[in-house]
Each structure stands twice: as C-alpha cells, then as structure tokens.
N, C-alpha and C. Protein backbone atom coordinates (compact mmCIF):
# COMPACT_ATOMS: atom_id res chain seq x y z
N UNK A 1 0.85 -1.18 0.00
CA UNK A 1 0.00 0.00 0.00
C UNK A 1 0.89 1.24 0.00
N UNK A 2 0.55 2.21 -0.81
CA UNK A 2 1.37 3.43 -0.86
C UNK A 2 1.25 4.23 0.44
N UNK A 3 2.21 5.09 0.68
CA UNK A 3 2.11 6.04 1.79
C UNK A 3 1.09 7.08 1.40
N UNK A 4 0.10 7.26 2.23
CA UNK A 4 -1.03 8.14 1.91
C UNK A 4 -0.85 9.48 2.60
N UNK A 5 -1.18 10.52 1.86
CA UNK A 5 -1.14 11.87 2.40
C UNK A 5 -2.50 12.52 2.16
N UNK A 6 -2.92 13.32 3.12
CA UNK A 6 -4.20 14.05 3.05
C UNK A 6 -3.89 15.50 2.68
N UNK A 7 -4.57 16.02 1.66
CA UNK A 7 -4.34 17.39 1.21
C UNK A 7 -5.66 18.04 0.82
N UNK A 8 -5.70 19.36 0.91
CA UNK A 8 -6.83 20.09 0.36
C UNK A 8 -6.68 20.09 -1.16
N UNK A 9 -7.77 19.90 -1.86
CA UNK A 9 -7.75 19.89 -3.32
C UNK A 9 -7.13 21.18 -3.85
N UNK A 10 -6.24 21.04 -4.85
CA UNK A 10 -5.60 22.21 -5.44
C UNK A 10 -5.40 22.00 -6.93
N UNK A 11 -4.87 23.00 -7.58
CA UNK A 11 -4.59 22.93 -9.02
C UNK A 11 -3.57 21.84 -9.35
N UNK A 12 -2.76 21.45 -8.39
CA UNK A 12 -1.72 20.45 -8.62
C UNK A 12 -2.26 19.04 -8.79
N UNK A 13 -3.48 18.82 -8.39
CA UNK A 13 -4.05 17.47 -8.47
C UNK A 13 -4.65 17.23 -9.86
N UNK A 14 -4.41 16.04 -10.39
CA UNK A 14 -4.91 15.67 -11.72
C UNK A 14 -6.35 15.17 -11.59
N UNK A 15 -7.27 16.12 -11.57
CA UNK A 15 -8.68 15.78 -11.40
C UNK A 15 -9.25 15.04 -12.60
N UNK A 16 -8.79 15.36 -13.80
CA UNK A 16 -9.32 14.74 -15.01
C UNK A 16 -9.06 13.24 -15.06
N UNK A 17 -8.06 12.76 -14.33
CA UNK A 17 -7.71 11.34 -14.33
C UNK A 17 -8.56 10.53 -13.35
N UNK A 18 -9.29 11.20 -12.48
CA UNK A 18 -10.06 10.50 -11.45
C UNK A 18 -11.35 9.94 -12.03
N UNK A 19 -11.64 8.66 -11.73
CA UNK A 19 -12.91 8.03 -12.13
C UNK A 19 -13.27 7.02 -11.05
N UNK A 20 -14.40 7.24 -10.41
CA UNK A 20 -14.85 6.33 -9.36
C UNK A 20 -15.95 5.39 -9.84
N UNK A 21 -16.38 5.56 -11.09
CA UNK A 21 -17.43 4.71 -11.62
C UNK A 21 -18.83 5.26 -11.39
N UNK A 22 -18.95 6.36 -10.68
CA UNK A 22 -20.25 7.02 -10.45
C UNK A 22 -20.15 8.40 -11.08
N UNK A 23 -20.88 8.58 -12.16
CA UNK A 23 -20.75 9.81 -12.96
C UNK A 23 -20.86 11.08 -12.13
N UNK A 24 -21.84 11.14 -11.24
CA UNK A 24 -22.06 12.34 -10.43
C UNK A 24 -20.83 12.67 -9.57
N UNK A 25 -20.23 11.67 -8.96
CA UNK A 25 -19.06 11.89 -8.09
C UNK A 25 -17.80 12.18 -8.90
N UNK A 26 -17.66 11.54 -10.04
CA UNK A 26 -16.51 11.79 -10.91
C UNK A 26 -16.59 13.21 -11.47
N UNK A 27 -17.77 13.59 -11.96
CA UNK A 27 -17.95 14.93 -12.52
C UNK A 27 -17.70 16.00 -11.46
N UNK A 28 -18.15 15.75 -10.24
CA UNK A 28 -17.95 16.73 -9.18
C UNK A 28 -16.46 17.03 -8.98
N UNK A 29 -15.65 16.01 -8.81
CA UNK A 29 -14.22 16.24 -8.56
C UNK A 29 -13.53 16.84 -9.78
N UNK A 30 -13.96 16.44 -10.96
CA UNK A 30 -13.31 16.92 -12.18
C UNK A 30 -13.67 18.36 -12.51
N UNK A 31 -14.93 18.75 -12.29
CA UNK A 31 -15.40 20.04 -12.81
C UNK A 31 -15.92 21.04 -11.79
N UNK A 32 -16.27 20.60 -10.62
CA UNK A 32 -16.98 21.49 -9.70
C UNK A 32 -16.26 21.72 -8.37
N UNK A 33 -15.56 20.75 -7.89
CA UNK A 33 -15.03 20.79 -6.52
C UNK A 33 -14.15 22.00 -6.24
N UNK A 34 -13.20 22.29 -7.11
CA UNK A 34 -12.28 23.41 -6.85
C UNK A 34 -13.03 24.74 -6.81
N UNK A 35 -13.94 24.91 -7.72
CA UNK A 35 -14.71 26.16 -7.76
C UNK A 35 -15.54 26.32 -6.48
N UNK A 36 -16.19 25.25 -6.03
CA UNK A 36 -16.98 25.34 -4.80
C UNK A 36 -16.08 25.56 -3.58
N UNK A 37 -14.88 24.97 -3.62
CA UNK A 37 -13.93 25.17 -2.54
C UNK A 37 -13.48 26.64 -2.48
N UNK A 38 -13.19 27.21 -3.63
CA UNK A 38 -12.77 28.62 -3.70
C UNK A 38 -13.87 29.56 -3.20
N UNK A 39 -15.12 29.18 -3.39
CA UNK A 39 -16.26 29.99 -2.94
C UNK A 39 -16.63 29.68 -1.49
N UNK A 40 -15.89 28.81 -0.85
CA UNK A 40 -16.12 28.43 0.55
C UNK A 40 -17.48 27.76 0.76
N UNK A 41 -17.93 27.02 -0.25
CA UNK A 41 -19.19 26.29 -0.13
C UNK A 41 -18.96 24.89 0.40
N UNK A 42 -17.90 24.26 -0.02
CA UNK A 42 -17.48 22.94 0.48
C UNK A 42 -15.97 22.93 0.59
N UNK A 43 -15.47 22.02 1.38
CA UNK A 43 -14.03 21.79 1.47
C UNK A 43 -13.80 20.37 0.95
N UNK A 44 -13.02 20.26 -0.11
CA UNK A 44 -12.72 18.95 -0.67
C UNK A 44 -11.30 18.56 -0.28
N UNK A 45 -11.20 17.41 0.33
CA UNK A 45 -9.92 16.86 0.78
C UNK A 45 -9.64 15.63 -0.06
N UNK A 46 -8.40 15.51 -0.50
CA UNK A 46 -8.01 14.37 -1.32
C UNK A 46 -6.98 13.53 -0.58
N UNK A 47 -7.02 12.24 -0.84
CA UNK A 47 -5.98 11.33 -0.37
C UNK A 47 -5.12 11.01 -1.57
N UNK A 48 -3.82 11.20 -1.42
CA UNK A 48 -2.89 11.00 -2.52
C UNK A 48 -1.75 10.08 -2.07
N UNK A 49 -1.09 9.49 -3.05
CA UNK A 49 0.13 8.73 -2.80
C UNK A 49 1.23 9.76 -2.57
N UNK A 50 1.94 9.67 -1.46
CA UNK A 50 2.98 10.66 -1.14
C UNK A 50 4.05 10.72 -2.22
N UNK A 51 4.26 9.62 -2.94
CA UNK A 51 5.27 9.60 -4.00
C UNK A 51 4.74 10.15 -5.33
N UNK A 52 3.42 10.21 -5.49
CA UNK A 52 2.77 10.76 -6.69
C UNK A 52 1.63 11.66 -6.23
N UNK A 53 1.94 12.78 -5.61
CA UNK A 53 0.90 13.59 -4.97
C UNK A 53 -0.10 14.24 -5.92
N UNK A 54 0.16 14.20 -7.21
CA UNK A 54 -0.79 14.77 -8.15
C UNK A 54 -1.96 13.82 -8.43
N UNK A 55 -1.79 12.53 -8.12
CA UNK A 55 -2.82 11.51 -8.40
C UNK A 55 -3.78 11.38 -7.22
N UNK A 56 -5.06 11.59 -7.48
CA UNK A 56 -6.09 11.48 -6.44
C UNK A 56 -6.52 10.02 -6.33
N UNK A 57 -6.35 9.46 -5.14
CA UNK A 57 -6.77 8.08 -4.88
C UNK A 57 -8.20 8.05 -4.35
N UNK A 58 -8.54 9.03 -3.54
CA UNK A 58 -9.89 9.14 -2.97
C UNK A 58 -10.11 10.59 -2.57
N UNK A 59 -11.36 10.94 -2.38
CA UNK A 59 -11.66 12.29 -1.91
C UNK A 59 -12.94 12.27 -1.10
N UNK A 60 -13.10 13.32 -0.32
CA UNK A 60 -14.37 13.58 0.35
C UNK A 60 -14.56 15.08 0.44
N UNK A 61 -15.80 15.50 0.47
CA UNK A 61 -16.14 16.92 0.58
C UNK A 61 -16.99 17.11 1.83
N UNK A 62 -16.71 18.19 2.54
CA UNK A 62 -17.47 18.49 3.75
C UNK A 62 -17.97 19.92 3.71
N UNK A 63 -19.02 20.15 4.47
CA UNK A 63 -19.59 21.49 4.60
C UNK A 63 -20.34 21.55 5.93
N UNK A 64 -20.43 22.72 6.52
CA UNK A 64 -21.23 22.84 7.74
C UNK A 64 -22.71 22.71 7.42
N UNK A 65 -23.46 22.23 8.39
CA UNK A 65 -24.91 22.14 8.22
C UNK A 65 -25.57 22.15 9.60
N UNK A 66 -26.86 22.19 9.60
CA UNK A 66 -27.63 22.06 10.83
C UNK A 66 -28.70 21.01 10.59
N UNK A 67 -28.97 20.21 11.61
CA UNK A 67 -30.07 19.25 11.53
C UNK A 67 -30.91 19.37 12.80
N UNK A 68 -32.17 19.03 12.69
CA UNK A 68 -33.01 19.02 13.88
C UNK A 68 -32.53 17.89 14.77
N UNK A 69 -32.69 18.04 16.08
CA UNK A 69 -32.22 16.99 16.98
C UNK A 69 -32.80 15.63 16.59
N UNK A 70 -31.91 14.66 16.34
CA UNK A 70 -32.39 13.33 15.95
C UNK A 70 -33.22 12.71 17.07
N UNK A 71 -34.32 12.03 16.71
CA UNK A 71 -35.13 11.38 17.73
C UNK A 71 -34.31 10.29 18.42
N UNK A 72 -34.58 10.09 19.68
CA UNK A 72 -33.91 9.03 20.42
C UNK A 72 -32.59 9.43 21.04
N UNK A 73 -32.10 10.64 20.78
CA UNK A 73 -30.86 11.10 21.40
C UNK A 73 -31.26 11.95 22.61
N UNK A 74 -31.15 11.35 23.79
CA UNK A 74 -31.65 12.00 25.00
C UNK A 74 -30.98 13.34 25.27
N UNK A 75 -29.69 13.45 24.96
CA UNK A 75 -28.97 14.68 25.25
C UNK A 75 -29.57 15.88 24.52
N UNK A 76 -30.22 15.65 23.40
CA UNK A 76 -30.76 16.75 22.60
C UNK A 76 -32.29 16.75 22.60
N UNK A 77 -32.90 15.90 23.41
CA UNK A 77 -34.34 15.70 23.35
C UNK A 77 -35.14 16.99 23.45
N UNK A 78 -34.81 17.85 24.37
CA UNK A 78 -35.59 19.07 24.54
C UNK A 78 -34.87 20.30 24.02
N UNK A 79 -33.82 20.10 23.24
CA UNK A 79 -33.09 21.24 22.69
C UNK A 79 -33.96 21.90 21.63
N UNK A 80 -34.20 23.21 21.73
CA UNK A 80 -35.19 23.86 20.86
C UNK A 80 -34.68 24.30 19.48
N UNK A 81 -33.41 24.11 19.18
CA UNK A 81 -32.85 24.62 17.93
C UNK A 81 -32.22 23.50 17.11
N UNK A 82 -31.98 23.79 15.85
CA UNK A 82 -31.22 22.87 15.02
C UNK A 82 -29.79 22.80 15.57
N UNK A 83 -29.13 21.68 15.37
CA UNK A 83 -27.80 21.44 15.91
C UNK A 83 -26.77 21.51 14.79
N UNK A 84 -25.68 22.25 14.99
CA UNK A 84 -24.65 22.30 13.95
C UNK A 84 -23.89 20.97 13.85
N UNK A 85 -23.63 20.56 12.63
CA UNK A 85 -22.88 19.34 12.33
C UNK A 85 -21.92 19.64 11.20
N UNK A 86 -20.99 18.75 10.99
CA UNK A 86 -20.19 18.74 9.78
C UNK A 86 -20.82 17.69 8.88
N UNK A 87 -21.15 18.07 7.64
CA UNK A 87 -21.75 17.13 6.68
C UNK A 87 -20.67 16.64 5.73
N UNK A 88 -20.57 15.33 5.62
CA UNK A 88 -19.73 14.75 4.57
C UNK A 88 -20.64 14.59 3.36
N UNK A 89 -20.50 15.52 2.43
CA UNK A 89 -21.40 15.59 1.29
C UNK A 89 -21.08 14.56 0.21
N UNK A 90 -19.80 14.25 0.05
CA UNK A 90 -19.39 13.29 -0.99
C UNK A 90 -18.19 12.51 -0.50
N UNK A 91 -18.09 11.27 -0.97
CA UNK A 91 -16.95 10.42 -0.69
C UNK A 91 -16.81 9.46 -1.86
N UNK A 92 -15.60 9.34 -2.39
CA UNK A 92 -15.38 8.44 -3.53
C UNK A 92 -13.92 8.02 -3.58
N UNK A 93 -13.69 6.82 -4.11
CA UNK A 93 -12.32 6.37 -4.36
C UNK A 93 -12.20 5.99 -5.83
N UNK A 94 -11.02 6.19 -6.38
CA UNK A 94 -10.76 5.90 -7.78
C UNK A 94 -10.94 4.41 -8.04
N UNK A 95 -11.44 4.07 -9.24
CA UNK A 95 -11.65 2.67 -9.60
C UNK A 95 -10.39 1.83 -9.42
N UNK A 96 -9.23 2.42 -9.66
CA UNK A 96 -7.98 1.67 -9.58
C UNK A 96 -7.63 1.21 -8.17
N UNK A 97 -8.26 1.81 -7.15
CA UNK A 97 -7.95 1.44 -5.77
C UNK A 97 -9.18 0.99 -4.98
N UNK A 98 -10.31 0.85 -5.66
CA UNK A 98 -11.51 0.43 -4.94
C UNK A 98 -11.32 -0.97 -4.36
N UNK A 99 -11.88 -1.17 -3.18
CA UNK A 99 -11.74 -2.44 -2.49
C UNK A 99 -10.46 -2.54 -1.68
N UNK A 100 -9.67 -1.46 -1.63
CA UNK A 100 -8.40 -1.48 -0.90
C UNK A 100 -8.44 -0.64 0.37
N UNK A 101 -9.62 -0.19 0.77
CA UNK A 101 -9.76 0.54 2.03
C UNK A 101 -9.64 2.05 1.95
N UNK A 102 -9.57 2.59 0.73
CA UNK A 102 -9.42 4.04 0.61
C UNK A 102 -10.70 4.79 0.99
N UNK A 103 -11.87 4.20 0.75
CA UNK A 103 -13.12 4.81 1.19
C UNK A 103 -13.16 4.91 2.70
N UNK A 104 -12.72 3.85 3.36
CA UNK A 104 -12.66 3.85 4.82
C UNK A 104 -11.67 4.92 5.32
N UNK A 105 -10.51 5.00 4.68
CA UNK A 105 -9.53 6.03 5.07
C UNK A 105 -10.10 7.44 4.91
N UNK A 106 -10.82 7.66 3.82
CA UNK A 106 -11.43 8.98 3.60
C UNK A 106 -12.48 9.27 4.67
N UNK A 107 -13.29 8.27 4.99
CA UNK A 107 -14.32 8.46 6.01
C UNK A 107 -13.67 8.76 7.37
N UNK A 108 -12.62 8.01 7.72
CA UNK A 108 -11.93 8.25 8.99
C UNK A 108 -11.29 9.64 9.01
N UNK A 109 -10.83 10.10 7.88
CA UNK A 109 -10.27 11.44 7.79
C UNK A 109 -11.35 12.49 8.04
N UNK A 110 -12.55 12.27 7.51
CA UNK A 110 -13.66 13.20 7.76
C UNK A 110 -14.05 13.19 9.24
N UNK A 111 -14.03 12.01 9.85
CA UNK A 111 -14.31 11.91 11.29
C UNK A 111 -13.26 12.70 12.07
N UNK A 112 -12.00 12.57 11.65
CA UNK A 112 -10.92 13.33 12.28
C UNK A 112 -11.16 14.83 12.14
N UNK A 113 -11.61 15.26 10.97
CA UNK A 113 -11.92 16.68 10.75
C UNK A 113 -12.99 17.16 11.72
N UNK A 114 -14.05 16.36 11.91
CA UNK A 114 -15.13 16.73 12.83
C UNK A 114 -14.59 16.85 14.26
N UNK A 115 -13.76 15.89 14.67
CA UNK A 115 -13.18 15.93 16.01
C UNK A 115 -12.31 17.18 16.18
N UNK A 116 -11.52 17.51 15.17
CA UNK A 116 -10.65 18.69 15.22
C UNK A 116 -11.47 19.97 15.32
N UNK A 117 -12.52 20.06 14.52
CA UNK A 117 -13.39 21.25 14.58
C UNK A 117 -13.98 21.41 15.98
N UNK A 118 -14.44 20.31 16.56
CA UNK A 118 -15.05 20.36 17.87
C UNK A 118 -14.04 20.75 18.95
N UNK A 119 -12.84 20.23 18.85
CA UNK A 119 -11.82 20.51 19.86
C UNK A 119 -11.25 21.93 19.74
N UNK A 120 -11.04 22.39 18.51
CA UNK A 120 -10.27 23.61 18.32
C UNK A 120 -11.09 24.85 17.95
N UNK A 121 -12.29 24.66 17.41
CA UNK A 121 -12.98 25.82 16.86
C UNK A 121 -14.35 26.08 17.44
N UNK A 122 -15.24 25.12 17.31
CA UNK A 122 -16.62 25.36 17.76
C UNK A 122 -17.30 24.03 18.07
N UNK A 123 -18.32 24.12 18.88
CA UNK A 123 -19.08 22.93 19.24
C UNK A 123 -19.92 22.47 18.05
N UNK A 124 -19.88 21.18 17.78
CA UNK A 124 -20.74 20.58 16.77
C UNK A 124 -21.28 19.28 17.32
N UNK A 125 -22.37 18.83 16.71
CA UNK A 125 -23.01 17.60 17.18
C UNK A 125 -22.35 16.34 16.67
N UNK A 126 -21.55 16.46 15.61
CA UNK A 126 -20.88 15.30 15.04
C UNK A 126 -20.77 15.40 13.54
N UNK A 127 -20.70 14.25 12.91
CA UNK A 127 -20.58 14.15 11.46
C UNK A 127 -21.86 13.53 10.92
N UNK A 128 -22.45 14.15 9.92
CA UNK A 128 -23.67 13.64 9.31
C UNK A 128 -23.37 13.27 7.85
N UNK A 129 -23.99 12.20 7.37
CA UNK A 129 -23.83 11.77 5.98
C UNK A 129 -25.19 11.44 5.40
N UNK A 130 -25.30 11.61 4.09
CA UNK A 130 -26.48 11.18 3.36
C UNK A 130 -26.04 10.02 2.48
N UNK A 131 -26.37 8.82 2.89
CA UNK A 131 -25.99 7.65 2.10
C UNK A 131 -26.78 7.64 0.79
N UNK A 132 -26.16 7.15 -0.25
CA UNK A 132 -26.82 7.11 -1.56
C UNK A 132 -27.87 6.01 -1.65
N UNK A 133 -27.69 4.94 -0.87
CA UNK A 133 -28.61 3.80 -0.90
C UNK A 133 -28.45 3.00 0.40
N UNK A 134 -29.21 1.93 0.53
CA UNK A 134 -29.17 1.13 1.76
C UNK A 134 -27.80 0.46 1.95
N UNK A 135 -27.15 0.09 0.86
CA UNK A 135 -25.81 -0.51 0.94
C UNK A 135 -24.82 0.50 1.54
N UNK A 136 -24.93 1.76 1.07
CA UNK A 136 -24.09 2.81 1.62
C UNK A 136 -24.38 3.06 3.09
N UNK A 137 -25.66 3.06 3.45
CA UNK A 137 -26.04 3.26 4.85
C UNK A 137 -25.46 2.14 5.72
N UNK A 138 -25.49 0.92 5.23
CA UNK A 138 -24.93 -0.21 5.98
C UNK A 138 -23.43 -0.03 6.18
N UNK A 139 -22.73 0.51 5.18
CA UNK A 139 -21.29 0.80 5.30
C UNK A 139 -21.05 1.72 6.49
N UNK A 140 -21.80 2.81 6.56
CA UNK A 140 -21.61 3.77 7.66
C UNK A 140 -22.01 3.18 9.01
N UNK A 141 -23.05 2.36 9.03
CA UNK A 141 -23.48 1.75 10.29
C UNK A 141 -22.39 0.86 10.88
N UNK A 142 -21.59 0.23 10.03
CA UNK A 142 -20.48 -0.60 10.54
C UNK A 142 -19.51 0.20 11.39
N UNK A 143 -19.47 1.50 11.18
CA UNK A 143 -18.55 2.37 11.91
C UNK A 143 -19.23 3.16 13.01
N UNK A 144 -20.45 2.78 13.36
CA UNK A 144 -21.14 3.41 14.48
C UNK A 144 -22.08 4.53 14.13
N UNK A 145 -22.23 4.85 12.84
CA UNK A 145 -23.20 5.88 12.45
C UNK A 145 -24.60 5.38 12.76
N UNK A 146 -25.47 6.31 13.14
CA UNK A 146 -26.84 5.99 13.53
C UNK A 146 -27.79 6.65 12.54
N UNK A 147 -28.79 5.89 12.10
CA UNK A 147 -29.79 6.46 11.20
C UNK A 147 -30.64 7.47 11.95
N UNK A 148 -30.90 8.59 11.32
CA UNK A 148 -31.73 9.61 11.94
C UNK A 148 -33.19 9.16 11.94
N UNK A 149 -33.62 8.53 10.86
CA UNK A 149 -34.94 7.90 10.80
C UNK A 149 -34.71 6.42 10.56
N UNK A 150 -35.61 5.58 11.03
CA UNK A 150 -35.39 4.13 11.05
C UNK A 150 -34.88 3.55 9.73
N UNK A 151 -35.54 3.81 8.64
CA UNK A 151 -35.10 3.25 7.35
C UNK A 151 -34.49 4.33 6.45
N UNK A 152 -34.24 5.51 7.01
CA UNK A 152 -33.74 6.63 6.22
C UNK A 152 -32.28 6.48 5.83
N UNK A 153 -31.86 7.34 4.94
CA UNK A 153 -30.50 7.29 4.42
C UNK A 153 -29.61 8.37 5.02
N UNK A 154 -30.13 9.19 5.91
CA UNK A 154 -29.30 10.18 6.59
C UNK A 154 -28.87 9.59 7.93
N UNK A 155 -27.55 9.61 8.16
CA UNK A 155 -26.99 9.03 9.37
C UNK A 155 -26.06 10.04 10.03
N UNK A 156 -25.79 9.83 11.32
CA UNK A 156 -24.85 10.71 12.00
C UNK A 156 -23.99 9.92 12.96
N UNK A 157 -22.82 10.46 13.22
CA UNK A 157 -21.92 9.93 14.23
C UNK A 157 -21.76 11.03 15.27
N UNK A 158 -22.21 10.79 16.51
CA UNK A 158 -22.12 11.83 17.54
C UNK A 158 -20.67 12.27 17.75
N UNK A 159 -20.51 13.52 18.12
CA UNK A 159 -19.16 14.09 18.26
C UNK A 159 -18.33 13.32 19.29
N UNK A 160 -18.94 12.86 20.36
CA UNK A 160 -18.15 12.11 21.35
C UNK A 160 -17.57 10.84 20.74
N UNK A 161 -18.28 10.24 19.78
CA UNK A 161 -17.75 9.06 19.09
C UNK A 161 -16.64 9.45 18.12
N UNK A 162 -16.80 10.59 17.45
CA UNK A 162 -15.73 11.08 16.55
C UNK A 162 -14.45 11.29 17.34
N UNK A 163 -14.58 11.97 18.49
CA UNK A 163 -13.41 12.26 19.32
C UNK A 163 -12.81 10.96 19.87
N UNK A 164 -13.66 10.05 20.33
CA UNK A 164 -13.17 8.78 20.87
C UNK A 164 -12.41 7.98 19.82
N UNK A 165 -12.93 7.95 18.60
CA UNK A 165 -12.24 7.22 17.53
C UNK A 165 -10.86 7.80 17.27
N UNK A 166 -10.73 9.10 17.36
CA UNK A 166 -9.44 9.74 17.09
C UNK A 166 -8.48 9.61 18.28
N UNK A 167 -9.04 9.37 19.47
CA UNK A 167 -8.20 9.21 20.65
C UNK A 167 -7.72 7.78 20.88
N UNK A 168 -8.33 6.82 20.16
CA UNK A 168 -7.91 5.42 20.32
C UNK A 168 -6.48 5.25 19.85
N UNK A 169 -5.67 4.53 20.62
CA UNK A 169 -4.31 4.27 20.15
C UNK A 169 -4.33 3.36 18.95
N UNK A 170 -3.37 3.58 18.04
CA UNK A 170 -3.26 2.71 16.86
C UNK A 170 -2.93 1.30 17.31
N UNK A 171 -3.52 0.32 16.62
CA UNK A 171 -3.22 -1.07 16.93
C UNK A 171 -1.85 -1.40 16.40
N UNK A 172 -1.10 -2.26 17.12
CA UNK A 172 0.25 -2.63 16.65
C UNK A 172 0.22 -3.44 15.39
C-alpha cells in the first residue's frame, strides 16, 4: 500500500484522471469541486500517494450544516434549535484502488476533521452523511453511524464518538 497523504484539493491534483465509476461523483471532482472550494461552499480533501501527490486516490467533501435533533438522542431531546454538524457531502475512491480501504480512510479522515473542529474551533453535534442507498447506509453503520430515521438514508456519528475514535491508540 502506498504512503497516503491528506491534502486540500488544489490545481496540482490531476482531477481529469479521477474516475470512481459514479458519474455524479466523478464529474464533481473533475469540474466542480475546486470552484466550490474557492467559494467556501465545500471543502474537498483528497488522499494521494505521497510519491505521486498529483494523483487522487480518494476524496471527500465536507460542509457545515444544521439538523433538527435526531429522535432518540436523550442529550438533545428538549433542545429547541437545530444542531450544527459537519456534513460529509461526498466520498469516492478511484476505480484503480476500490476495495483497498481508501473509502474507509477517507471516512476516517472526515471523522478526524469533525473531532478537530469540535476541539479547536466550535461545538458541533458530530458528522452527518447522506448515504446514496441502503448498501451505503450499511457501510456507515459498521462504523457506528446511527440512522436519523429508522429506514432513512441520513446518518450521523455523535461528536463524542468522533473524538473517541481519534483518541484510540493505533493497533500494533
């Protein structure tokens, strides 16, 4: 496995070479991501091979959002306002590396971003994602994400879980 580095998307990355097999996600990174990043609408982070940093192996995009307190979360049960979260709007890995854990690495990086925001900048409720389908929702559930509605595709990971995941020591 190559040495992976996390970077903010820039002109140096070869976006035209990226293909994840999903037209919407491929088109976003190729044509839209940098412009939205420059306008401060989303932040796109790429995972690259440290030896070939221009090649995008995977990416994810995040943006701030607010959601109504999810049902069943006692800590927010009577909170009268929407709760700020970090939304992972997109996540994709290049076809050439799919099945090698790069989607998981990108997701963990987004969790790390949420933990960092909570520790250093402002309080947030956690990381929220909109899964594309039930298979995607099941992927997130394996990592502790909770569905906001029973069969819905919007899930969240509470901030205390984001922080705990980042505080766990690496396994030997």
